[in-house]
Amino acid sequence: EPTFFGVFTVWRFDVMFGAIAVLLAGFYLAGVRSVKRQGKPWKRSYT
């Protein structure tokens, strides 16, 4: 039976949304890296 803490002890990677979450994070960090290389400002809070 699901409990408040028990739901965080079982994991099953979601091939659709879990993969999208990882890809979005990777693409965003690559974009921030490109901005830094160009010497443009970027708010850390956005990241």
ModelCIF file with pLDDT and N, C-alpha, C, O atoms, coordinates in Angstrom:
data_MODEL
#
_entry.id   MODEL 
#
_entity.id                         1 
_entity.type                       polymer 
_entity.pdbx_number_of_molecules   1 
#
_entity_poly.entity_id                      1 
_entity_poly.type                           'polypeptide(L)' 
_entity_poly.nstd_linkage                   no 
_entity_poly.nstd_monomer                   no 
_entity_poly.pdbx_seq_one_letter_code       EPTFFGVFTVWRFDVMFGAIAVLLAGFYLAGVRSVKRQGKPWKRSYT 
_entity_poly.pdbx_seq_one_letter_code_can   EPTFFGVFTVWRFDVMFGAIAVLLAGFYLAGVRSVKRQGKPWKRSYT 
_entity_poly.pdbx_strand_id                 A 
#
loop_
_entity_poly_seq.entity_id 
_entity_poly_seq.num 
_entity_poly_seq.mon_id 
_entity_poly_seq.hetero 
1 1  GLU n 
1 2  PRO n 
1 3  THR n 
1 4  PHE n 
1 5  PHE n 
1 6  GLY n 
1 7  VAL n 
1 8  PHE n 
1 9  THR n 
1 10 VAL n 
1 11 TRP n 
1 12 ARG n 
1 13 PHE n 
1 14 ASP n 
1 15 VAL n 
1 16 MET n 
1 17 PHE n 
1 18 GLY n 
1 19 ALA n 
1 20 ILE n 
1 21 ALA n 
1 22 VAL n 
1 23 LEU n 
1 24 LEU n 
1 25 ALA n 
1 26 GLY n 
1 27 PHE n 
1 28 TYR n 
1 29 LEU n 
1 30 ALA n 
1 31 GLY n 
1 32 VAL n 
1 33 ARG n 
1 34 SER n 
1 35 VAL n 
1 36 LYS n 
1 37 ARG n 
1 38 GLN n 
1 39 GLY n 
1 40 LYS n 
1 41 PRO n 
1 42 TRP n 
1 43 LYS n 
1 44 ARG n 
1 45 SER n 
1 46 TYR n 
1 47 THR n 
#
_struct_asym.id          A 
_struct_asym.entity_id   1 
#
loop_
_ma_qa_metric.id 
_ma_qa_metric.mode 
_ma_qa_metric.name 
_ma_qa_metric.software_group_id 
_ma_qa_metric.type 
1 global pLDDT . pLDDT 
2 local  pLDDT . pLDDT 
#
_ma_qa_metric_global.metric_id      1 
_ma_qa_metric_global.metric_value   92.98 
_ma_qa_metric_global.model_id       1 
_ma_qa_metric_global.ordinal_id     1 
#
loop_
_ma_qa_metric_local.label_asym_id 
_ma_qa_metric_local.label_comp_id 
_ma_qa_metric_local.label_seq_id 
_ma_qa_metric_local.metric_id 
_ma_qa_metric_local.metric_value 
_ma_qa_metric_local.model_id 
_ma_qa_metric_local.ordinal_id 
A GLU 1  2 89.00 1 1  
A PRO 2  2 88.00 1 2  
A THR 3  2 86.00 1 3  
A PHE 4  2 84.00 1 4  
A PHE 5  2 86.00 1 5  
A GLY 6  2 85.00 1 6  
A VAL 7  2 88.00 1 7  
A PHE 8  2 89.00 1 8  
A THR 9  2 89.00 1 9  
A VAL 10 2 91.00 1 10 
A TRP 11 2 92.00 1 11 
A ARG 12 2 92.00 1 12 
A PHE 13 2 93.00 1 13 
A ASP 14 2 92.00 1 14 
A VAL 15 2 92.00 1 15 
A MET 16 2 93.00 1 16 
A PHE 17 2 95.00 1 17 
A GLY 18 2 95.00 1 18 
A ALA 19 2 95.00 1 19 
A ILE 20 2 96.00 1 20 
A ALA 21 2 96.00 1 21 
A VAL 22 2 96.00 1 22 
A LEU 23 2 96.00 1 23 
A LEU 24 2 96.00 1 24 
A ALA 25 2 97.00 1 25 
A GLY 26 2 96.00 1 26 
A PHE 27 2 96.00 1 27 
A TYR 28 2 97.00 1 28 
A LEU 29 2 97.00 1 29 
A ALA 30 2 96.00 1 30 
A GLY 31 2 95.00 1 31 
A VAL 32 2 96.00 1 32 
A ARG 33 2 95.00 1 33 
A SER 34 2 95.00 1 34 
A VAL 35 2 95.00 1 35 
A LYS 36 2 94.00 1 36 
A ARG 37 2 94.00 1 37 
A GLN 38 2 92.00 1 38 
A GLY 39 2 91.00 1 39 
A LYS 40 2 92.00 1 40 
A PRO 41 2 92.00 1 41 
A TRP 42 2 94.00 1 42 
A LYS 43 2 93.00 1 43 
A ARG 44 2 94.00 1 44 
A SER 45 2 94.00 1 45 
A TYR 46 2 95.00 1 46 
A THR 47 2 96.00 1 47 
#
loop_
_atom_site.group_PDB 
_atom_site.id 
_atom_site.type_symbol 
_atom_site.label_atom_id 
_atom_site.label_alt_id 
_atom_site.label_comp_id 
_atom_site.label_asym_id 
_atom_site.label_entity_id 
_atom_site.label_seq_id 
_atom_site.pdbx_PDB_ins_code 
_atom_site.Cartn_x 
_atom_site.Cartn_y 
_atom_site.Cartn_z 
_atom_site.occupancy 
_atom_site.B_iso_or_equiv 
_atom_site.pdbx_formal_charge 
_atom_site.auth_seq_id 
_atom_site.auth_comp_id 
_atom_site.auth_asym_id 
_atom_site.auth_atom_id 
_atom_site.pdbx_PDB_model_num 
ATOM 1   N N  . GLU A 1 1  ? 0.837  -1.185 0.000   1.00 89.00 ? 1  GLU A N  1 
ATOM 2   C CA . GLU A 1 1  ? 0.000  0.000  0.000   1.00 89.00 ? 1  GLU A CA 1 
ATOM 3   C C  . GLU A 1 1  ? 0.883  1.250  0.000   1.00 89.00 ? 1  GLU A C  1 
ATOM 4   O O  . GLU A 1 1  ? 1.876  1.294  0.727   1.00 89.00 ? 1  GLU A O  1 
ATOM 5   N N  . PRO A 1 2  ? 0.547  2.256  -0.792  1.00 88.00 ? 2  PRO A N  1 
ATOM 6   C CA . PRO A 1 2  ? 1.392  3.453  -0.852  1.00 88.00 ? 2  PRO A CA 1 
ATOM 7   C C  . PRO A 1 2  ? 1.333  4.248  0.448   1.00 88.00 ? 2  PRO A C  1 
ATOM 8   O O  . PRO A 1 2  ? 0.268  4.413  1.041   1.00 88.00 ? 2  PRO A O  1 
ATOM 9   N N  . THR A 1 3  ? 2.488  4.734  0.879   1.00 86.00 ? 3  THR A N  1 
ATOM 10  C CA . THR A 1 3  ? 2.591  5.617  2.041   1.00 86.00 ? 3  THR A CA 1 
ATOM 11  C C  . THR A 1 3  ? 3.379  6.859  1.636   1.00 86.00 ? 3  THR A C  1 
ATOM 12  O O  . THR A 1 3  ? 3.980  6.902  0.562   1.00 86.00 ? 3  THR A O  1 
ATOM 13  N N  . PHE A 1 4  ? 3.370  7.859  2.502   1.00 84.00 ? 4  PHE A N  1 
ATOM 14  C CA . PHE A 1 4  ? 4.014  9.133  2.173   1.00 84.00 ? 4  PHE A CA 1 
ATOM 15  C C  . PHE A 1 4  ? 5.497  8.934  1.874   1.00 84.00 ? 4  PHE A C  1 
ATOM 16  O O  . PHE A 1 4  ? 6.006  9.462  0.885   1.00 84.00 ? 4  PHE A O  1 
ATOM 17  N N  . PHE A 1 5  ? 6.187  8.182  2.716   1.00 86.00 ? 5  PHE A N  1 
ATOM 18  C CA . PHE A 1 5  ? 7.611  7.962  2.498   1.00 86.00 ? 5  PHE A CA 1 
ATOM 19  C C  . PHE A 1 5  ? 7.867  6.748  1.606   1.00 86.00 ? 5  PHE A C  1 
ATOM 20  O O  . PHE A 1 5  ? 8.893  6.678  0.931   1.00 86.00 ? 5  PHE A O  1 
ATOM 21  N N  . GLY A 1 6  ? 6.940  5.800  1.604   1.00 85.00 ? 6  GLY A N  1 
ATOM 22  C CA . GLY A 1 6  ? 7.166  4.585  0.833   1.00 85.00 ? 6  GLY A CA 1 
ATOM 23  C C  . GLY A 1 6  ? 7.210  4.802  -0.664  1.00 85.00 ? 6  GLY A C  1 
ATOM 24  O O  . GLY A 1 6  ? 7.875  4.052  -1.378  1.00 85.00 ? 6  GLY A O  1 
ATOM 25  N N  . VAL A 1 7  ? 6.501  5.835  -1.160  1.00 88.00 ? 7  VAL A N  1 
ATOM 26  C CA . VAL A 1 7  ? 6.485  6.053  -2.607  1.00 88.00 ? 7  VAL A CA 1 
ATOM 27  C C  . VAL A 1 7  ? 7.850  6.490  -3.132  1.00 88.00 ? 7  VAL A C  1 
ATOM 28  O O  . VAL A 1 7  ? 8.105  6.411  -4.334  1.00 88.00 ? 7  VAL A O  1 
ATOM 29  N N  . PHE A 1 8  ? 8.724  6.949  -2.247  1.00 89.00 ? 8  PHE A N  1 
ATOM 30  C CA . PHE A 1 8  ? 10.050 7.373  -2.686  1.00 89.00 ? 8  PHE A CA 1 
ATOM 31  C C  . PHE A 1 8  ? 11.091 6.264  -2.542  1.00 89.00 ? 8  PHE A C  1 
ATOM 32  O O  . PHE A 1 8  ? 12.274 6.492  -2.793  1.00 89.00 ? 8  PHE A O  1 
ATOM 33  N N  . THR A 1 9  ? 10.669 5.086  -2.147  1.00 89.00 ? 9  THR A N  1 
ATOM 34  C CA . THR A 1 9  ? 11.589 3.951  -2.016  1.00 89.00 ? 9  THR A CA 1 
ATOM 35  C C  . THR A 1 9  ? 11.473 2.974  -3.181  1.00 89.00 ? 9  THR A C  1 
ATOM 36  O O  . THR A 1 9  ? 12.281 2.051  -3.288  1.00 89.00 ? 9  THR A O  1 
ATOM 37  N N  . VAL A 1 10 ? 10.487 3.158  -4.052  1.00 91.00 ? 10 VAL A N  1 
ATOM 38  C CA . VAL A 1 10 ? 10.332 2.286  -5.220  1.00 91.00 ? 10 VAL A CA 1 
ATOM 39  C C  . VAL A 1 10 ? 10.484 3.141  -6.474  1.00 91.00 ? 10 VAL A C  1 
ATOM 40  O O  . VAL A 1 10 ? 9.955  4.250  -6.551  1.00 91.00 ? 10 VAL A O  1 
ATOM 41  N N  . TRP A 1 11 ? 11.205 2.620  -7.440  1.00 92.00 ? 11 TRP A N  1 
ATOM 42  C CA . TRP A 1 11 ? 11.497 3.380  -8.648  1.00 92.00 ? 11 TRP A CA 1 
ATOM 43  C C  . TRP A 1 11 ? 11.340 2.490  -9.878  1.00 92.00 ? 11 TRP A C  1 
ATOM 44  O O  . TRP A 1 11 ? 11.682 1.307  -9.853  1.00 92.00 ? 11 TRP A O  1 
ATOM 45  N N  . ARG A 1 12 ? 10.823 3.071  -10.942 1.00 92.00 ? 12 ARG A N  1 
ATOM 46  C CA . ARG A 1 12 ? 10.710 2.414  -12.243 1.00 92.00 ? 12 ARG A CA 1 
ATOM 47  C C  . ARG A 1 12 ? 10.825 3.522  -13.286 1.00 92.00 ? 12 ARG A C  1 
ATOM 48  O O  . ARG A 1 12 ? 9.884  4.289  -13.493 1.00 92.00 ? 12 ARG A O  1 
ATOM 49  N N  . PHE A 1 13 ? 11.980 3.601  -13.940 1.00 93.00 ? 13 PHE A N  1 
ATOM 50  C CA . PHE A 1 13 ? 12.260 4.724  -14.836 1.00 93.00 ? 13 PHE A CA 1 
ATOM 51  C C  . PHE A 1 13 ? 11.207 4.792  -15.925 1.00 93.00 ? 13 PHE A C  1 
ATOM 52  O O  . PHE A 1 13 ? 10.944 3.807  -16.616 1.00 93.00 ? 13 PHE A O  1 
ATOM 53  N N  . ASP A 1 14 ? 10.602 5.971  -16.073 1.00 92.00 ? 14 ASP A N  1 
ATOM 54  C CA . ASP A 1 14 ? 9.597  6.182  -17.108 1.00 92.00 ? 14 ASP A CA 1 
ATOM 55  C C  . ASP A 1 14 ? 10.310 6.490  -18.425 1.00 92.00 ? 14 ASP A C  1 
ATOM 56  O O  . ASP A 1 14 ? 10.986 7.510  -18.556 1.00 92.00 ? 14 ASP A O  1 
ATOM 57  N N  . VAL A 1 15 ? 10.147 5.584  -19.400 1.00 92.00 ? 15 VAL A N  1 
ATOM 58  C CA . VAL A 1 15 ? 10.869 5.707  -20.659 1.00 92.00 ? 15 VAL A CA 1 
ATOM 59  C C  . VAL A 1 15 ? 10.431 6.943  -21.436 1.00 92.00 ? 15 VAL A C  1 
ATOM 60  O O  . VAL A 1 15 ? 11.197 7.470  -22.242 1.00 92.00 ? 15 VAL A O  1 
ATOM 61  N N  . MET A 1 16 ? 9.212  7.410  -21.203 1.00 93.00 ? 16 MET A N  1 
ATOM 62  C CA . MET A 1 16 ? 8.734  8.603  -21.908 1.00 93.00 ? 16 MET A CA 1 
ATOM 63  C C  . MET A 1 16 ? 9.120  9.865  -21.148 1.00 93.00 ? 16 MET A C  1 
ATOM 64  O O  . MET A 1 16 ? 9.985  10.612 -21.603 1.00 93.00 ? 16 MET A O  1 
ATOM 65  N N  . PHE A 1 17 ? 8.501  10.116 -20.006 1.00 95.00 ? 17 PHE A N  1 
ATOM 66  C CA . PHE A 1 17 ? 8.678  11.392 -19.317 1.00 95.00 ? 17 PHE A CA 1 
ATOM 67  C C  . PHE A 1 17 ? 9.987  11.460 -18.543 1.00 95.00 ? 17 PHE A C  1 
ATOM 68  O O  . PHE A 1 17 ? 10.567 12.538 -18.413 1.00 95.00 ? 17 PHE A O  1 
ATOM 69  N N  . GLY A 1 18 ? 10.462 10.334 -18.029 1.00 95.00 ? 18 GLY A N  1 
ATOM 70  C CA . GLY A 1 18 ? 11.763 10.338 -17.370 1.00 95.00 ? 18 GLY A CA 1 
ATOM 71  C C  . GLY A 1 18 ? 12.875 10.680 -18.350 1.00 95.00 ? 18 GLY A C  1 
ATOM 72  O O  . GLY A 1 18 ? 13.772 11.466 -18.044 1.00 95.00 ? 18 GLY A O  1 
ATOM 73  N N  . ALA A 1 19 ? 12.801 10.073 -19.545 1.00 95.00 ? 19 ALA A N  1 
ATOM 74  C CA . ALA A 1 19 ? 13.809 10.384 -20.564 1.00 95.00 ? 19 ALA A CA 1 
ATOM 75  C C  . ALA A 1 19 ? 13.717 11.838 -21.003 1.00 95.00 ? 19 ALA A C  1 
ATOM 76  O O  . ALA A 1 19 ? 14.740 12.492 -21.204 1.00 95.00 ? 19 ALA A O  1 
ATOM 77  N N  . ILE A 1 20 ? 12.502 12.347 -21.153 1.00 96.00 ? 20 ILE A N  1 
ATOM 78  C CA . ILE A 1 20 ? 12.335 13.748 -21.546 1.00 96.00 ? 20 ILE A CA 1 
ATOM 79  C C  . ILE A 1 20 ? 12.915 14.677 -20.485 1.00 96.00 ? 20 ILE A C  1 
ATOM 80  O O  . ILE A 1 20 ? 13.542 15.682 -20.819 1.00 96.00 ? 20 ILE A O  1 
ATOM 81  N N  . ALA A 1 21 ? 12.712 14.350 -19.210 1.00 96.00 ? 21 ALA A N  1 
ATOM 82  C CA . ALA A 1 21 ? 13.266 15.183 -18.137 1.00 96.00 ? 21 ALA A CA 1 
ATOM 83  C C  . ALA A 1 21 ? 14.785 15.238 -18.210 1.00 96.00 ? 21 ALA A C  1 
ATOM 84  O O  . ALA A 1 21 ? 15.377 16.308 -18.068 1.00 96.00 ? 21 ALA A O  1 
ATOM 85  N N  . VAL A 1 22 ? 15.415 14.093 -18.431 1.00 96.00 ? 22 VAL A N  1 
ATOM 86  C CA . VAL A 1 22 ? 16.878 14.050 -18.525 1.00 96.00 ? 22 VAL A CA 1 
ATOM 87  C C  . VAL A 1 22 ? 17.362 14.830 -19.744 1.00 96.00 ? 22 VAL A C  1 
ATOM 88  O O  . VAL A 1 22 ? 18.335 15.579 -19.656 1.00 96.00 ? 22 VAL A O  1 
ATOM 89  N N  . LEU A 1 23 ? 16.691 14.658 -20.877 1.00 96.00 ? 23 LEU A N  1 
ATOM 90  C CA . LEU A 1 23 ? 17.095 15.355 -22.100 1.00 96.00 ? 23 LEU A CA 1 
ATOM 91  C C  . LEU A 1 23 ? 16.921 16.861 -21.971 1.00 96.00 ? 23 LEU A C  1 
ATOM 92  O O  . LEU A 1 23 ? 17.790 17.620 -22.399 1.00 96.00 ? 23 LEU A O  1 
ATOM 93  N N  . LEU A 1 24 ? 15.815 17.302 -21.389 1.00 96.00 ? 24 LEU A N  1 
ATOM 94  C CA . LEU A 1 24 ? 15.591 18.735 -21.228 1.00 96.00 ? 24 LEU A CA 1 
ATOM 95  C C  . LEU A 1 24 ? 16.651 19.361 -20.327 1.00 96.00 ? 24 LEU A C  1 
ATOM 96  O O  . LEU A 1 24 ? 17.131 20.463 -20.594 1.00 96.00 ? 24 LEU A O  1 
ATOM 97  N N  . ALA A 1 25 ? 17.009 18.661 -19.271 1.00 97.00 ? 25 ALA A N  1 
ATOM 98  C CA . ALA A 1 25 ? 18.060 19.180 -18.393 1.00 97.00 ? 25 ALA A CA 1 
ATOM 99  C C  . ALA A 1 25 ? 19.389 19.267 -19.140 1.00 97.00 ? 25 ALA A C  1 
ATOM 100 O O  . ALA A 1 25 ? 20.106 20.261 -19.022 1.00 97.00 ? 25 ALA A O  1 
ATOM 101 N N  . GLY A 1 26 ? 19.719 18.224 -19.911 1.00 96.00 ? 26 GLY A N  1 
ATOM 102 C CA . GLY A 1 26 ? 20.978 18.224 -20.653 1.00 96.00 ? 26 GLY A CA 1 
ATOM 103 C C  . GLY A 1 26 ? 21.038 19.321 -21.703 1.00 96.00 ? 26 GLY A C  1 
ATOM 104 O O  . GLY A 1 26 ? 22.050 20.011 -21.818 1.00 96.00 ? 26 GLY A O  1 
ATOM 105 N N  . PHE A 1 27 ? 19.960 19.492 -22.475 1.00 96.00 ? 27 PHE A N  1 
ATOM 106 C CA . PHE A 1 27 ? 19.938 20.539 -23.500 1.00 96.00 ? 27 PHE A CA 1 
ATOM 107 C C  . PHE A 1 27 ? 20.034 21.925 -22.870 1.00 96.00 ? 27 PHE A C  1 
ATOM 108 O O  . PHE A 1 27 ? 20.714 22.803 -23.401 1.00 96.00 ? 27 PHE A O  1 
ATOM 109 N N  . TYR A 1 28 ? 19.363 22.122 -21.751 1.00 97.00 ? 28 TYR A N  1 
ATOM 110 C CA . TYR A 1 28 ? 19.378 23.430 -21.091 1.00 97.00 ? 28 TYR A CA 1 
ATOM 111 C C  . TYR A 1 28 ? 20.794 23.754 -20.596 1.00 97.00 ? 28 TYR A C  1 
ATOM 112 O O  . TYR A 1 28 ? 21.284 24.866 -20.794 1.00 97.00 ? 28 TYR A O  1 
ATOM 113 N N  . LEU A 1 29 ? 21.443 22.785 -19.956 1.00 97.00 ? 29 LEU A N  1 
ATOM 114 C CA . LEU A 1 29 ? 22.799 23.018 -19.453 1.00 97.00 ? 29 LEU A CA 1 
ATOM 115 C C  . LEU A 1 29 ? 23.764 23.280 -20.606 1.00 97.00 ? 29 LEU A C  1 
ATOM 116 O O  . LEU A 1 29 ? 24.678 24.095 -20.480 1.00 97.00 ? 29 LEU A O  1 
ATOM 117 N N  . ALA A 1 30 ? 23.562 22.588 -21.731 1.00 96.00 ? 30 ALA A N  1 
ATOM 118 C CA . ALA A 1 30 ? 24.401 22.859 -22.903 1.00 96.00 ? 30 ALA A CA 1 
ATOM 119 C C  . ALA A 1 30 ? 24.184 24.288 -23.393 1.00 96.00 ? 30 ALA A C  1 
ATOM 120 O O  . ALA A 1 30 ? 25.138 24.956 -23.792 1.00 96.00 ? 30 ALA A O  1 
ATOM 121 N N  . GLY A 1 31 ? 22.943 24.761 -23.366 1.00 95.00 ? 31 GLY A N  1 
ATOM 122 C CA . GLY A 1 31 ? 22.669 26.131 -23.760 1.00 95.00 ? 31 GLY A CA 1 
ATOM 123 C C  . GLY A 1 31 ? 23.304 27.140 -22.828 1.00 95.00 ? 31 GLY A C  1 
ATOM 124 O O  . GLY A 1 31 ? 23.865 28.137 -23.282 1.00 95.00 ? 31 GLY A O  1 
ATOM 125 N N  . VAL A 1 32 ? 23.223 26.895 -21.522 1.00 96.00 ? 32 VAL A N  1 
ATOM 126 C CA . VAL A 1 32 ? 23.841 27.802 -20.552 1.00 96.00 ? 32 VAL A CA 1 
ATOM 127 C C  . VAL A 1 32 ? 25.349 27.839 -20.752 1.00 96.00 ? 32 VAL A C  1 
ATOM 128 O O  . VAL A 1 32 ? 25.973 28.897 -20.665 1.00 96.00 ? 32 VAL A O  1 
ATOM 129 N N  . ARG A 1 33 ? 25.925 26.678 -21.019 1.00 95.00 ? 33 ARG A N  1 
ATOM 130 C CA . ARG A 1 33 ? 27.372 26.634 -21.267 1.00 95.00 ? 33 ARG A CA 1 
ATOM 131 C C  . ARG A 1 33 ? 27.748 27.464 -22.485 1.00 95.00 ? 33 ARG A C  1 
ATOM 132 O O  . ARG A 1 33 ? 28.756 28.171 -22.481 1.00 95.00 ? 33 ARG A O  1 
ATOM 133 N N  . SER A 1 34 ? 26.930 27.373 -23.527 1.00 95.00 ? 34 SER A N  1 
ATOM 134 C CA . SER A 1 34 ? 27.189 28.171 -24.731 1.00 95.00 ? 34 SER A CA 1 
ATOM 135 C C  . SER A 1 34 ? 27.081 29.665 -24.437 1.00 95.00 ? 34 SER A C  1 
ATOM 136 O O  . SER A 1 34 ? 27.876 30.460 -24.938 1.00 95.00 ? 34 SER A O  1 
ATOM 137 N N  . VAL A 1 35 ? 26.098 30.042 -23.626 1.00 95.00 ? 35 VAL A N  1 
ATOM 138 C CA . VAL A 1 35 ? 25.948 31.459 -23.264 1.00 95.00 ? 35 VAL A CA 1 
ATOM 139 C C  . VAL A 1 35 ? 27.176 31.948 -22.506 1.00 95.00 ? 35 VAL A C  1 
ATOM 140 O O  . VAL A 1 35 ? 27.673 33.042 -22.774 1.00 95.00 ? 35 VAL A O  1 
ATOM 141 N N  . LYS A 1 36 ? 27.663 31.159 -21.576 1.00 94.00 ? 36 LYS A N  1 
ATOM 142 C CA . LYS A 1 36 ? 28.844 31.555 -20.804 1.00 94.00 ? 36 LYS A CA 1 
ATOM 143 C C  . LYS A 1 36 ? 30.066 31.700 -21.707 1.00 94.00 ? 36 LYS A C  1 
ATOM 144 O O  . LYS A 1 36 ? 30.869 32.619 -21.546 1.00 94.00 ? 36 LYS A O  1 
ATOM 145 N N  . ARG A 1 37 ? 30.191 30.774 -22.662 1.00 94.00 ? 37 ARG A N  1 
ATOM 146 C CA . ARG A 1 37 ? 31.332 30.864 -23.577 1.00 94.00 ? 37 ARG A CA 1 
ATOM 147 C C  . ARG A 1 37 ? 31.289 32.136 -24.410 1.00 94.00 ? 37 ARG A C  1 
ATOM 148 O O  . ARG A 1 37 ? 32.333 32.700 -24.738 1.00 94.00 ? 37 ARG A O  1 
ATOM 149 N N  . GLN A 1 38 ? 30.106 32.585 -24.749 1.00 92.00 ? 38 GLN A N  1 
ATOM 150 C CA . GLN A 1 38 ? 29.965 33.802 -25.542 1.00 92.00 ? 38 GLN A CA 1 
ATOM 151 C C  . GLN A 1 38 ? 30.109 35.059 -24.692 1.00 92.00 ? 38 GLN A C  1 
ATOM 152 O O  . GLN A 1 38 ? 30.101 36.169 -25.226 1.00 92.00 ? 38 GLN A O  1 
ATOM 153 N N  . GLY A 1 39 ? 30.240 34.900 -23.381 1.00 91.00 ? 39 GLY A N  1 
ATOM 154 C CA . GLY A 1 39 ? 30.396 36.046 -22.507 1.00 91.00 ? 39 GLY A CA 1 
ATOM 155 C C  . GLY A 1 39 ? 29.119 36.811 -22.249 1.00 91.00 ? 39 GLY A C  1 
ATOM 156 O O  . GLY A 1 39 ? 29.162 37.968 -21.832 1.00 91.00 ? 39 GLY A O  1 
ATOM 157 N N  . LYS A 1 40 ? 27.989 36.185 -22.489 1.00 92.00 ? 40 LYS A N  1 
ATOM 158 C CA . LYS A 1 40 ? 26.704 36.838 -22.261 1.00 92.00 ? 40 LYS A CA 1 
ATOM 159 C C  . LYS A 1 40 ? 26.220 36.553 -20.845 1.00 92.00 ? 40 LYS A C  1 
ATOM 160 O O  . LYS A 1 40 ? 26.536 35.498 -20.294 1.00 92.00 ? 40 LYS A O  1 
ATOM 161 N N  . PRO A 1 41 ? 25.466 37.459 -20.245 1.00 92.00 ? 41 PRO A N  1 
ATOM 162 C CA . PRO A 1 41 ? 24.975 37.229 -18.872 1.00 92.00 ? 41 PRO A CA 1 
ATOM 163 C C  . PRO A 1 41 ? 23.807 36.241 -18.865 1.00 92.00 ? 41 PRO A C  1 
ATOM 164 O O  . PRO A 1 41 ? 23.031 36.169 -19.818 1.00 92.00 ? 41 PRO A O  1 
ATOM 165 N N  . TRP A 1 42 ? 23.701 35.500 -17.797 1.00 94.00 ? 42 TRP A N  1 
ATOM 166 C CA . TRP A 1 42 ? 22.576 34.580 -17.611 1.00 94.00 ? 42 TRP A CA 1 
ATOM 167 C C  . TRP A 1 42 ? 22.333 34.397 -16.116 1.00 94.00 ? 42 TRP A C  1 
ATOM 168 O O  . TRP A 1 42 ? 23.265 34.128 -15.358 1.00 94.00 ? 42 TRP A O  1 
ATOM 169 N N  . LYS A 1 43 ? 21.092 34.540 -15.702 1.00 93.00 ? 43 LYS A N  1 
ATOM 170 C CA . LYS A 1 43 ? 20.760 34.436 -14.285 1.00 93.00 ? 43 LYS A CA 1 
ATOM 171 C C  . LYS A 1 43 ? 20.867 32.992 -13.807 1.00 93.00 ? 43 LYS A C  1 
ATOM 172 O O  . LYS A 1 43 ? 20.329 32.074 -14.426 1.00 93.00 ? 43 LYS A O  1 
ATOM 173 N N  . ARG A 1 44 ? 21.561 32.816 -12.710 1.00 94.00 ? 44 ARG A N  1 
ATOM 174 C CA . ARG A 1 44 ? 21.683 31.473 -12.152 1.00 94.00 ? 44 ARG A CA 1 
ATOM 175 C C  . ARG A 1 44 ? 20.344 30.951 -11.655 1.00 94.00 ? 44 ARG A C  1 
ATOM 176 O O  . ARG A 1 44 ? 20.098 29.745 -11.667 1.00 94.00 ? 44 ARG A O  1 
ATOM 177 N N  . SER A 1 45 ? 19.487 31.853 -11.222 1.00 94.00 ? 45 SER A N  1 
ATOM 178 C CA . SER A 1 45 ? 18.175 31.431 -10.727 1.00 94.00 ? 45 SER A CA 1 
ATOM 179 C C  . SER A 1 45 ? 17.364 30.755 -11.825 1.00 94.00 ? 45 SER A C  1 
ATOM 180 O O  . SER A 1 45 ? 16.612 29.820 -11.550 1.00 94.00 ? 45 SER A O  1 
ATOM 181 N N  . TYR A 1 46 ? 17.507 31.221 -13.075 1.00 95.00 ? 46 TYR A N  1 
ATOM 182 C CA . TYR A 1 46 ? 16.804 30.570 -14.180 1.00 95.00 ? 46 TYR A CA 1 
ATOM 183 C C  . TYR A 1 46 ? 17.228 29.105 -14.297 1.00 95.00 ? 46 TYR A C  1 
ATOM 184 O O  . TYR A 1 46 ? 16.393 28.215 -14.455 1.00 95.00 ? 46 TYR A O  1 
ATOM 185 N N  . THR A 1 47 ? 18.527 28.874 -14.218 1.00 96.00 ? 47 THR A N  1 
ATOM 186 C CA . THR A 1 47 ? 19.041 27.507 -14.336 1.00 96.00 ? 47 THR A CA 1 
ATOM 187 C C  . THR A 1 47 ? 18.537 26.641 -13.200 1.00 96.00 ? 47 THR A C  1 
ATOM 188 O O  . THR A 1 47 ? 18.867 25.457 -13.133 1.00 96.00 ? 47 THR A O  1 
#
